[in-house]
C-alpha atoms as a PDB file:
ATOM      1  CA  MET A   1      -3.707  63.626 -35.709  1.00  0.00           C
ATOM      2  CA  ASN A   2      -6.880  61.772 -34.688  1.00  0.00           C
ATOM      3  CA  ILE A   3      -9.466  60.902 -37.340  1.00  0.00           C
ATOM      4  CA  LEU A   4     -13.020  59.698 -36.744  1.00  0.00           C
ATOM      5  CA  VAL A   5     -14.474  57.619 -39.597  1.00  0.00           C
ATOM      6  CA  VAL A   6     -18.243  57.210 -39.826  1.00  0.00           C
ATOM      7  CA  ASN A   7     -20.781  56.373 -42.532  1.00  0.00           C
ATOM      8  CA  ASP A   8     -24.473  55.639 -43.120  1.00  0.00           C
ATOM      9  CA  ASP A   9     -24.128  52.259 -44.853  1.00  0.00           C
ATOM     10  CA  GLY A  10     -23.159  50.465 -41.641  1.00  0.00           C
ATOM     11  CA  TYR A  11     -19.960  49.392 -39.929  1.00  0.00           C
ATOM     12  CA  GLU A  12     -19.575  46.286 -42.102  1.00  0.00           C
ATOM     13  CA  SER A  13     -19.467  48.277 -45.343  1.00  0.00           C
ATOM     14  CA  LYS A  14     -16.438  47.511 -47.488  1.00  0.00           C
ATOM     15  CA  LYS A  15     -16.023  51.170 -48.396  1.00  0.00           C
ATOM     16  CA  ILE A  16     -15.774  52.453 -44.811  1.00  0.00           C
ATOM     17  CA  LYS A  17     -12.835  50.108 -44.277  1.00  0.00           C
ATOM     18  CA  ILE A  18     -11.162  51.467 -47.409  1.00  0.00           C
ATOM     19  CA  LEU A  19     -11.660  55.051 -46.183  1.00  0.00           C
ATOM     20  CA  ALA A  20     -10.255  54.204 -42.752  1.00  0.00           C
ATOM     21  CA  ASP A  21      -7.190  52.534 -44.278  1.00  0.00           C
ATOM     22  CA  SER A  22      -6.504  55.589 -46.449  1.00  0.00           C
ATOM     23  CA  PHE A  23      -6.497  57.895 -43.428  1.00  0.00           C
ATOM     24  CA  ARG A  24      -4.254  55.716 -41.268  1.00  0.00           C
ATOM     25  CA  LYS A  25      -1.125  57.224 -42.805  1.00  0.00           C
ATOM     26  CA  TYR A  26      -2.177  60.577 -41.311  1.00  0.00           C
ATOM     27  CA  GLY A  27      -2.778  59.508 -37.724  1.00  0.00           C
ATOM     28  CA  ASN A  28      -4.911  57.469 -35.347  1.00  0.00           C
ATOM     29  CA  VAL A  29      -8.172  56.262 -36.868  1.00  0.00           C
ATOM     30  CA  TYR A  30     -11.340  55.515 -34.894  1.00  0.00           C
ATOM     31  CA  ILE A  31     -14.397  53.936 -36.527  1.00  0.00           C
ATOM     32  CA  VAL A  32     -17.816  54.656 -35.009  1.00  0.00           C
ATOM     33  CA  ALA A  33     -20.507  53.677 -37.499  1.00  0.00           C
ATOM     34  CA  PRO A  34     -24.161  52.587 -37.491  1.00  0.00           C
ATOM     35  CA  HIS A  35     -24.817  48.971 -36.562  1.00  0.00           C
ATOM     36  CA  TYR A  36     -27.491  48.853 -39.287  1.00  0.00           C
ATOM     37  CA  GLU A  37     -27.750  50.692 -42.595  1.00  0.00           C
ATOM     38  CA  GLN A  38     -28.987  54.259 -42.143  1.00  0.00           C
ATOM     39  CA  SER A  39     -29.155  55.583 -45.703  1.00  0.00           C
ATOM     40  CA  GLY A  40     -31.369  58.666 -45.943  1.00  0.00           C
ATOM     41  CA  ALA A  41     -31.050  59.419 -42.218  1.00  0.00           C
ATOM     42  CA  SER A  42     -29.864  62.971 -42.949  1.00  0.00           C
ATOM     43  CA  SER A  43     -29.036  64.743 -39.649  1.00  0.00           C
ATOM     44  CA  SER A  44     -31.571  62.818 -37.564  1.00  0.00           C
ATOM     45  CA  ILE A  45     -30.724  61.733 -34.037  1.00  0.00           C
ATOM     46  CA  THR A  46     -32.229  59.185 -31.676  1.00  0.00           C
ATOM     47  CA  VAL A  47     -34.537  60.791 -29.083  1.00  0.00           C
ATOM     48  CA  HIS A  48     -36.856  59.474 -26.356  1.00  0.00           C
ATOM     49  CA  LYS A  49     -34.955  56.174 -26.185  1.00  0.00           C
ATOM     50  CA  GLY A  50     -31.429  54.882 -25.775  1.00  0.00           C
ATOM     51  CA  PHE A  51     -29.337  52.800 -28.136  1.00  0.00           C
ATOM     52  CA  ASN A  52     -26.934  49.893 -27.821  1.00  0.00           C
ATOM     53  CA  VAL A  53     -23.242  50.219 -28.672  1.00  0.00           C
ATOM     54  CA  HIS A  54     -21.005  47.338 -29.762  1.00  0.00           C
ATOM     55  CA  ASN A  55     -17.241  47.395 -29.230  1.00  0.00           C
ATOM     56  CA  HIS A  56     -15.499  45.470 -32.004  1.00  0.00           C
ATOM     57  CA  GLY A  57     -11.949  46.141 -30.801  1.00  0.00           C
ATOM     58  CA  ASN A  58      -9.175  47.847 -32.759  1.00  0.00           C
ATOM     59  CA  ASN A  59     -10.723  51.289 -32.139  1.00  0.00           C
ATOM     60  CA  SER A  60     -13.971  50.264 -33.815  1.00  0.00           C
ATOM     61  CA  TRP A  61     -17.533  50.588 -32.477  1.00  0.00           C
ATOM     62  CA  SER A  62     -21.004  50.287 -33.968  1.00  0.00           C
ATOM     63  CA  VAL A  63     -23.995  52.252 -32.708  1.00  0.00           C
ATOM     64  CA  GLU A  64     -27.619  51.159 -33.052  1.00  0.00           C
ATOM     65  CA  GLY A  65     -28.543  54.641 -34.170  1.00  0.00           C
ATOM     66  CA  THR A  66     -28.030  57.208 -36.909  1.00  0.00           C
ATOM     67  CA  PRO A  67     -24.803  58.610 -38.371  1.00  0.00           C
ATOM     68  CA  SER A  68     -25.283  61.757 -36.281  1.00  0.00           C
ATOM     69  CA  ASP A  69     -25.695  59.576 -33.187  1.00  0.00           C
ATOM     70  CA  CYS A  70     -22.353  57.987 -34.066  1.00  0.00           C
ATOM     71  CA  VAL A  71     -20.597  61.355 -34.146  1.00  0.00           C
ATOM     72  CA  LYS A  72     -22.217  62.469 -30.894  1.00  0.00           C
ATOM     73  CA  TYR A  73     -21.334  59.219 -29.143  1.00  0.00           C
ATOM     74  CA  ALA A  74     -17.756  59.302 -30.410  1.00  0.00           C
ATOM     75  CA  LEU A  75     -17.215  62.854 -29.150  1.00  0.00           C
ATOM     76  CA  PHE A  76     -19.186  62.770 -25.903  1.00  0.00           C
ATOM     77  CA  GLY A  77     -19.611  59.083 -25.062  1.00  0.00           C
ATOM     78  CA  LEU A  78     -16.181  57.797 -25.965  1.00  0.00           C
ATOM     79  CA  LYS A  79     -14.764  61.302 -25.447  1.00  0.00           C
ATOM     80  CA  LEU A  80     -12.558  61.024 -28.527  1.00  0.00           C
ATOM     81  CA  ASP A  81     -10.537  64.159 -29.228  1.00  0.00           C
ATOM     82  CA  VAL A  82     -10.555  64.093 -33.028  1.00  0.00           C
ATOM     83  CA  ASP A  83      -9.205  66.569 -35.538  1.00  0.00           C
ATOM     84  CA  ILE A  84     -11.080  65.344 -38.620  1.00  0.00           C
ATOM     85  CA  VAL A  85     -14.357  63.519 -39.168  1.00  0.00           C
ATOM     86  CA  ALA A  86     -14.376  61.551 -42.430  1.00  0.00           C
ATOM     87  CA  SER A  87     -17.738  60.138 -43.504  1.00  0.00           C
ATOM     88  CA  GLY A  88     -18.265  57.443 -46.139  1.00  0.00           C
ATOM     89  CA  ILE A  89     -17.391  56.195 -48.569  1.00  0.00           C
ATOM     90  CA  ASN A  90     -21.091  56.168 -49.405  1.00  0.00           C
ATOM     91  CA  ASN A  91     -22.360  53.499 -51.784  1.00  0.00           C
ATOM     92  CA  GLY A  92     -23.936  55.920 -54.213  1.00  0.00           C
ATOM     93  CA  PRO A  93     -23.323  59.561 -55.106  1.00  0.00           C
ATOM     94  CA  ASN A  94     -24.438  62.389 -52.843  1.00  0.00           C
ATOM     95  CA  ILE A  95     -24.887  65.184 -55.349  1.00  0.00           C
ATOM     96  CA  GLY A  96     -27.484  67.902 -55.768  1.00  0.00           C
ATOM     97  CA  LEU A  97     -30.589  67.349 -53.659  1.00  0.00           C
ATOM     98  CA  ASP A  98     -29.190  64.043 -52.360  1.00  0.00           C
ATOM     99  CA  THR A  99     -27.204  66.114 -49.875  1.00  0.00           C
ATOM    100  CA  ILE A 100     -30.420  67.051 -48.034  1.00  0.00           C
ATOM    101  CA  TYR A 101     -31.256  63.425 -47.247  1.00  0.00           C
ATOM    102  CA  SER A 102     -27.785  61.940 -46.977  1.00  0.00           C
ATOM    103  CA  GLY A 103     -26.718  60.390 -43.677  1.00  0.00           C
ATOM    104  CA  THR A 104     -23.144  60.617 -44.947  1.00  0.00           C
ATOM    105  CA  VAL A 105     -23.469  64.391 -45.191  1.00  0.00           C
ATOM    106  CA  GLY A 106     -25.568  64.507 -42.007  1.00  0.00           C
ATOM    107  CA  ALA A 107     -22.721  63.016 -39.962  1.00  0.00           C
ATOM    108  CA  CYS A 108     -20.426  65.781 -41.213  1.00  0.00           C
ATOM    109  CA  MET A 109     -22.954  68.467 -40.343  1.00  0.00           C
ATOM    110  CA  GLU A 110     -23.105  67.039 -36.820  1.00  0.00           C
ATOM    111  CA  ALA A 111     -19.320  67.243 -36.602  1.00  0.00           C
ATOM    112  CA  LEU A 112     -19.388  70.844 -37.824  1.00  0.00           C
ATOM    113  CA  ILE A 113     -21.648  71.829 -34.916  1.00  0.00           C
ATOM    114  CA  TYR A 114     -18.743  71.038 -32.609  1.00  0.00           C
ATOM    115  CA  GLY A 115     -16.111  72.823 -34.663  1.00  0.00           C
ATOM    116  CA  LYS A 116     -14.635  69.731 -36.309  1.00  0.00           C
ATOM    117  CA  ILE A 117     -13.231  69.554 -39.819  1.00  0.00           C
ATOM    118  CA  ALA A 118     -15.563  67.248 -41.740  1.00  0.00           C
ATOM    119  CA  LEU A 119     -15.183  65.517 -45.100  1.00  0.00           C
ATOM    120  CA  ALA A 120     -17.923  63.471 -46.796  1.00  0.00           C
ATOM    121  CA  PHE A 121     -16.974  60.919 -49.463  1.00  0.00           C
ATOM    122  CA  SER A 122     -19.341  59.232 -51.941  1.00  0.00           C
ATOM    123  CA  SER A 123     -18.995  57.107 -55.078  1.00  0.00           C
ATOM    124  CA  GLU A 124     -21.071  55.318 -57.691  1.00  0.00           C
ATOM    125  CA  TYR A 125     -23.393  52.493 -56.626  1.00  0.00           C
ATOM    126  CA  ASN A 126     -21.676  49.116 -56.365  1.00  0.00           C
ATOM    127  CA  GLN A 127     -18.547  50.413 -58.069  1.00  0.00           C
ATOM    128  CA  ASP A 128     -15.184  49.644 -56.525  1.00  0.00           C
ATOM    129  CA  ILE A 129     -13.402  52.738 -55.340  1.00  0.00           C
ATOM    130  CA  ASN A 130     -10.040  53.475 -56.943  1.00  0.00           C
ATOM    131  CA  ILE A 131      -7.632  53.576 -53.995  1.00  0.00           C
ATOM    132  CA  THR A 132      -5.134  55.720 -55.904  1.00  0.00           C
ATOM    133  CA  ASP A 133      -7.806  58.325 -56.646  1.00  0.00           C
ATOM    134  CA  LEU A 134      -8.988  58.295 -53.028  1.00  0.00           C
ATOM    135  CA  ASN A 135      -5.472  58.800 -51.687  1.00  0.00           C
ATOM    136  CA  HIS A 136      -4.905  61.519 -54.272  1.00  0.00           C
ATOM    137  CA  VAL A 137      -7.963  63.561 -53.280  1.00  0.00           C
ATOM    138  CA  ILE A 138      -7.285  63.230 -49.538  1.00  0.00           C
ATOM    139  CA  LYS A 139      -3.719  64.436 -50.041  1.00  0.00           C
ATOM    140  CA  PHE A 140      -4.975  67.217 -52.340  1.00  0.00           C
ATOM    141  CA  ILE A 141      -7.375  68.517 -49.685  1.00  0.00           C
ATOM    142  CA  LEU A 142      -4.867  68.321 -46.836  1.00  0.00           C
ATOM    143  CA  ASP A 143      -1.878  69.695 -48.755  1.00  0.00           C
ATOM    144  CA  LYS A 144      -3.820  72.672 -50.095  1.00  0.00           C
ATOM    145  CA  LYS A 145      -5.600  73.211 -46.764  1.00  0.00           C
ATOM    146  CA  LEU A 146      -9.031  73.351 -48.383  1.00  0.00           C
ATOM    147  CA  PHE A 147     -10.706  72.235 -45.159  1.00  0.00           C
ATOM    148  CA  SER A 148     -12.375  74.465 -42.575  1.00  0.00           C
ATOM    149  CA  ASN A 149     -14.508  74.159 -39.463  1.00  0.00           C
ATOM    150  CA  GLN A 150     -16.927  76.658 -41.046  1.00  0.00           C
ATOM    151  CA  PHE A 151     -18.170  74.312 -43.784  1.00  0.00           C
ATOM    152  CA  ILE A 152     -17.933  70.668 -44.779  1.00  0.00           C
ATOM    153  CA  LEU A 153     -16.395  69.366 -47.987  1.00  0.00           C
ATOM    154  CA  ASN A 154     -18.608  66.981 -49.940  1.00  0.00           C
ATOM    155  CA  ILE A 155     -16.457  64.834 -52.224  1.00  0.00           C
ATOM    156  CA  ASN A 156     -17.933  62.702 -55.009  1.00  0.00           C
ATOM    157  CA  PHE A 157     -16.136  60.269 -57.269  1.00  0.00           C
ATOM    158  CA  PRO A 158     -17.575  60.101 -60.810  1.00  0.00           C
ATOM    159  CA  LYS A 159     -18.980  57.252 -62.881  1.00  0.00           C
ATOM    160  CA  VAL A 160     -15.601  56.162 -64.222  1.00  0.00           C
ATOM    161  CA  LYS A 161     -13.036  53.687 -62.922  1.00  0.00           C
ATOM    162  CA  SER A 162     -10.371  56.344 -62.440  1.00  0.00           C
ATOM    163  CA  SER A 163     -10.176  60.126 -62.487  1.00  0.00           C
ATOM    164  CA  LYS A 164      -7.504  62.346 -61.001  1.00  0.00           C
ATOM    165  CA  ASP A 165      -9.167  65.550 -62.241  1.00  0.00           C
ATOM    166  CA  ILE A 166     -10.560  67.536 -59.300  1.00  0.00           C
ATOM    167  CA  ILE A 167     -12.734  70.656 -59.429  1.00  0.00           C
ATOM    168  CA  ILE A 168     -14.475  72.774 -56.807  1.00  0.00           C
ATOM    169  CA  THR A 169     -18.196  72.734 -57.516  1.00  0.00           C
ATOM    170  CA  ASP A 170     -21.526  74.166 -56.485  1.00  0.00           C
ATOM    171  CA  LEU A 171     -24.664  72.079 -55.941  1.00  0.00           C
ATOM    172  CA  GLY A 172     -26.585  71.248 -59.072  1.00  0.00           C
ATOM    173  CA  ILE A 173     -30.375  70.989 -58.852  1.00  0.00           C
ATOM    174  CA  ARG A 174     -32.242  68.939 -61.446  1.00  0.00           C
ATOM    175  CA  PRO A 175     -35.968  68.175 -61.868  1.00  0.00           C
ATOM    176  CA  ILE A 176     -37.095  64.843 -60.428  1.00  0.00           C
ATOM    177  CA  GLU A 177     -40.327  62.916 -60.967  1.00  0.00           C
ATOM    178  CA  GLN A 178     -41.470  61.247 -57.734  1.00  0.00           C
ATOM    179  CA  TYR A 179     -43.948  58.375 -57.576  1.00  0.00           C
ATOM    180  CA  TYR A 180     -44.861  55.431 -55.348  1.00  0.00           C
ATOM    181  CA  GLU A 181     -45.080  51.703 -55.917  1.00  0.00           C
ATOM    182  CA  GLN A 182     -47.042  49.367 -53.669  1.00  0.00           C
ATOM    183  CA  ASN A 183     -45.760  45.940 -52.672  1.00  0.00           C
ATOM    184  CA  ASP A 184     -47.363  43.689 -50.025  1.00  0.00           C
ATOM    185  CA  GLY A 185     -49.303  46.634 -48.651  1.00  0.00           C
ATOM    186  CA  ASN A 186     -46.235  48.863 -48.343  1.00  0.00           C
ATOM    187  CA  TYR A 187     -45.555  51.972 -50.393  1.00  0.00           C
ATOM    188  CA  PHE A 188     -42.059  52.559 -51.778  1.00  0.00           C
ATOM    189  CA  VAL A 189     -40.983  55.917 -53.127  1.00  0.00           C
ATOM    190  CA  LYS A 190     -39.377  55.889 -56.578  1.00  0.00           C
ATOM    191  CA  ARG A 191     -37.930  58.636 -58.709  1.00  0.00           C
ATOM    192  CA  ASN A 192     -37.079  59.333 -62.314  1.00  0.00           C
ATOM    193  CA  PHE A 193     -34.554  61.950 -63.321  1.00  0.00           C
ATOM    194  CA  GLN A 194     -35.932  64.094 -66.108  1.00  0.00           C
ATOM    195  CA  ASP A 195     -33.894  65.248 -69.091  1.00  0.00           C
ATOM    196  CA  PHE A 196     -31.609  67.999 -67.939  1.00  0.00           C
ATOM    197  CA  VAL A 197     -28.638  69.957 -69.275  1.00  0.00           C
ATOM    198  CA  PHE A 198     -26.019  69.801 -66.555  1.00  0.00           C
ATOM    199  CA  GLU A 199     -24.599  73.184 -65.627  1.00  0.00           C
ATOM    200  CA  GLU A 200     -20.815  73.269 -65.770  1.00  0.00           C
ATOM    201  CA  HIS A 201     -18.948  73.560 -62.468  1.00  0.00           C
ATOM    202  CA  THR A 202     -21.745  71.847 -60.523  1.00  0.00           C
ATOM    203  CA  ASP A 203     -21.405  68.498 -58.771  1.00  0.00           C
ATOM    204  CA  LEU A 204     -23.940  66.973 -61.191  1.00  0.00           C
ATOM    205  CA  TRP A 205     -21.879  68.035 -64.192  1.00  0.00           C
ATOM    206  CA  ALA A 206     -18.661  66.702 -62.659  1.00  0.00           C
ATOM    207  CA  PHE A 207     -20.221  63.342 -61.844  1.00  0.00           C
ATOM    208  CA  GLU A 208     -21.503  62.917 -65.394  1.00  0.00           C
ATOM    209  CA  ASN A 209     -18.242  64.092 -66.960  1.00  0.00           C
ATOM    210  CA  GLY A 210     -15.768  61.921 -65.093  1.00  0.00           C
ATOM    211  CA  THR A 211     -14.397  64.506 -62.679  1.00  0.00           C
ATOM    212  CA  ILE A 212     -13.969  64.322 -58.903  1.00  0.00           C
ATOM    213  CA  SER A 213     -15.981  67.121 -57.306  1.00  0.00           C
ATOM    214  CA  ILE A 214     -15.437  68.919 -54.012  1.00  0.00           C
ATOM    215  CA  THR A 215     -18.456  70.935 -52.911  1.00  0.00           C
ATOM    216  CA  PRO A 216     -18.388  73.124 -49.786  1.00  0.00           C
ATOM    217  CA  LEU A 217     -21.639  72.954 -47.799  1.00  0.00           C
ATOM    218  CA  LYS A 218     -22.480  75.232 -44.898  1.00  0.00           C
ATOM    219  CA  LEU A 219     -24.209  74.321 -41.650  1.00  0.00           C
ATOM    220  CA  GLY A 220     -27.894  75.195 -41.327  1.00  0.00           C
ATOM    221  CA  ASN A 221     -30.267  76.856 -43.745  1.00  0.00           C
ATOM    222  CA  GLY A 222     -29.796  80.546 -43.043  1.00  0.00           C
ATOM    223  CA  ASP A 223     -28.886  82.967 -45.823  1.00  0.00           C
ATOM    224  CA  ILE A 224     -27.715  86.461 -44.862  1.00  0.00           C
ATOM    225  CA  THR A 225     -28.501  87.863 -48.335  1.00  0.00           C
ATOM    226  CA  ILE A 226     -32.153  86.791 -48.128  1.00  0.00           C
ATOM    227  CA  THR A 227     -32.331  88.003 -44.518  1.00  0.00           C
ATOM    228  CA  ASN A 228     -31.078  91.458 -45.456  1.00  0.00           C
ATOM    229  CA  ASN A 229     -33.437  91.610 -48.451  1.00  0.00           C
ATOM    230  CA  LEU A 230     -36.404  90.933 -46.169  1.00  0.00           C
ATOM    231  CA  ARG A 231     -35.188  93.545 -43.695  1.00  0.00           C
ATOM    232  CA  ASP A 232     -34.951  96.087 -46.506  1.00  0.00           C
ATOM    233  CA  LYS A 233     -38.447  95.171 -47.681  1.00  0.00           C
ATOM    234  CA  LEU A 234     -39.845  95.846 -44.197  1.00  0.00           C
ATOM    235  CA  LYS A 235     -38.128  99.232 -44.098  1.00  0.00           C
ATOM    236  CA  ASN A 236     -39.856 100.209 -47.336  1.00  0.00           C
ATOM    237  CA  CYS A 237     -43.334  99.081 -46.264  1.00  0.00           C
END
């Protein structure tokens, strides 16, 4: 099996090396990651200009572009025939609305376009990942064949040093206060999370309650239920 490992924190991230090492027992691992940090890049790609690529040896490259650029270049530049794309481990959770902006998730969505199995991994800010837990959840997903090329799996490790509890979750959406701070003429967006009762079986609830969450996320923004509702509304007009 061939596994492509990518992230949005950059090729020098400690956590991408941990993720790559954990997958090496399953096959050949290739690392193609951004040369510079690309947090918040979502599914953006580089257009109207080229980018440089650096070959670091040992099946490792860095791309001066976005996480999605990395996936594209790996598949169509390096022509890697991969079975799984593993993205992360992100330095910070990607839960709830974070998944819209996440370059970690964006890389997986890019992989899904081309029919690849894609797994996104995220953990608490500046918290060491528990290798045993990581190996456990990878084995759990592969053994139980939870993966698909119809959706990605978004995996988040909670705010505890170790947790082997795993649940399948939905996205949790919580209210956020947005504001800006100015520093040296530049504006920086900030946010405060308002008081919120976490709904059980969501990724937010799992993160706060010490449980590893696996959330399936589909490609694109279409919703057949809403589409059919609008069609029915037109018929009745």
